[in-house]
Amino acid sequence: MCAGAYRGGISLSWAISSSIQLVIAGSALALMLTQRKEIAADFRRSWQAFRHPRNRYLLLASLSILAVLGIRLLHQSTLAPANFDSGLYHFQTLKWLNEYPTVPGLGNLHGRLAFNSSWFPLLSLFRYGSPAGPMYGLGAFCM
């Protein structure tokens, strides 16, 4: 099953609220716990491969690239959205997805209400609260 269809299926039935986020995180954790032996074996194999002297540079390079990308992600997420449409309807759509499930027949009111980006359910899953209001962790890259 496609991940986009899964995310869209959740927003068809329920609002993507904090409780849904907890259910998804709990399900992922339970799945990881059932596969813990395989995950540990894969981790041990990978660690043994990286312990060889010729692979240490590969590990160092990989971690350096990961650190640079992580810093870039943190920096990009602090910036205001560059897309003009974000203030017009992107944030309102995300708020709608977080508070209400999909409304059947909404496209009958106006054709434009029937279309939506497949990124929005993913963004609403990664919403977290802050004193300034809701924050969307992936929003800087998707909008």
Foldseek 3Di string as FASTA:
>chain_A
DDPLVVLLVVLQVWQLAPVVLVVVVVVVVVVCVVCVVVVVVVVVVVVVVCVDPVNVVVVVVVVVVVVVVVVVLVVLQVDDAPDPCCVVPVVVVLVCSNHHGDDPPPCVVPVVVVDDDSCSSVQSSQWDADPVGIGGSCVSPPD
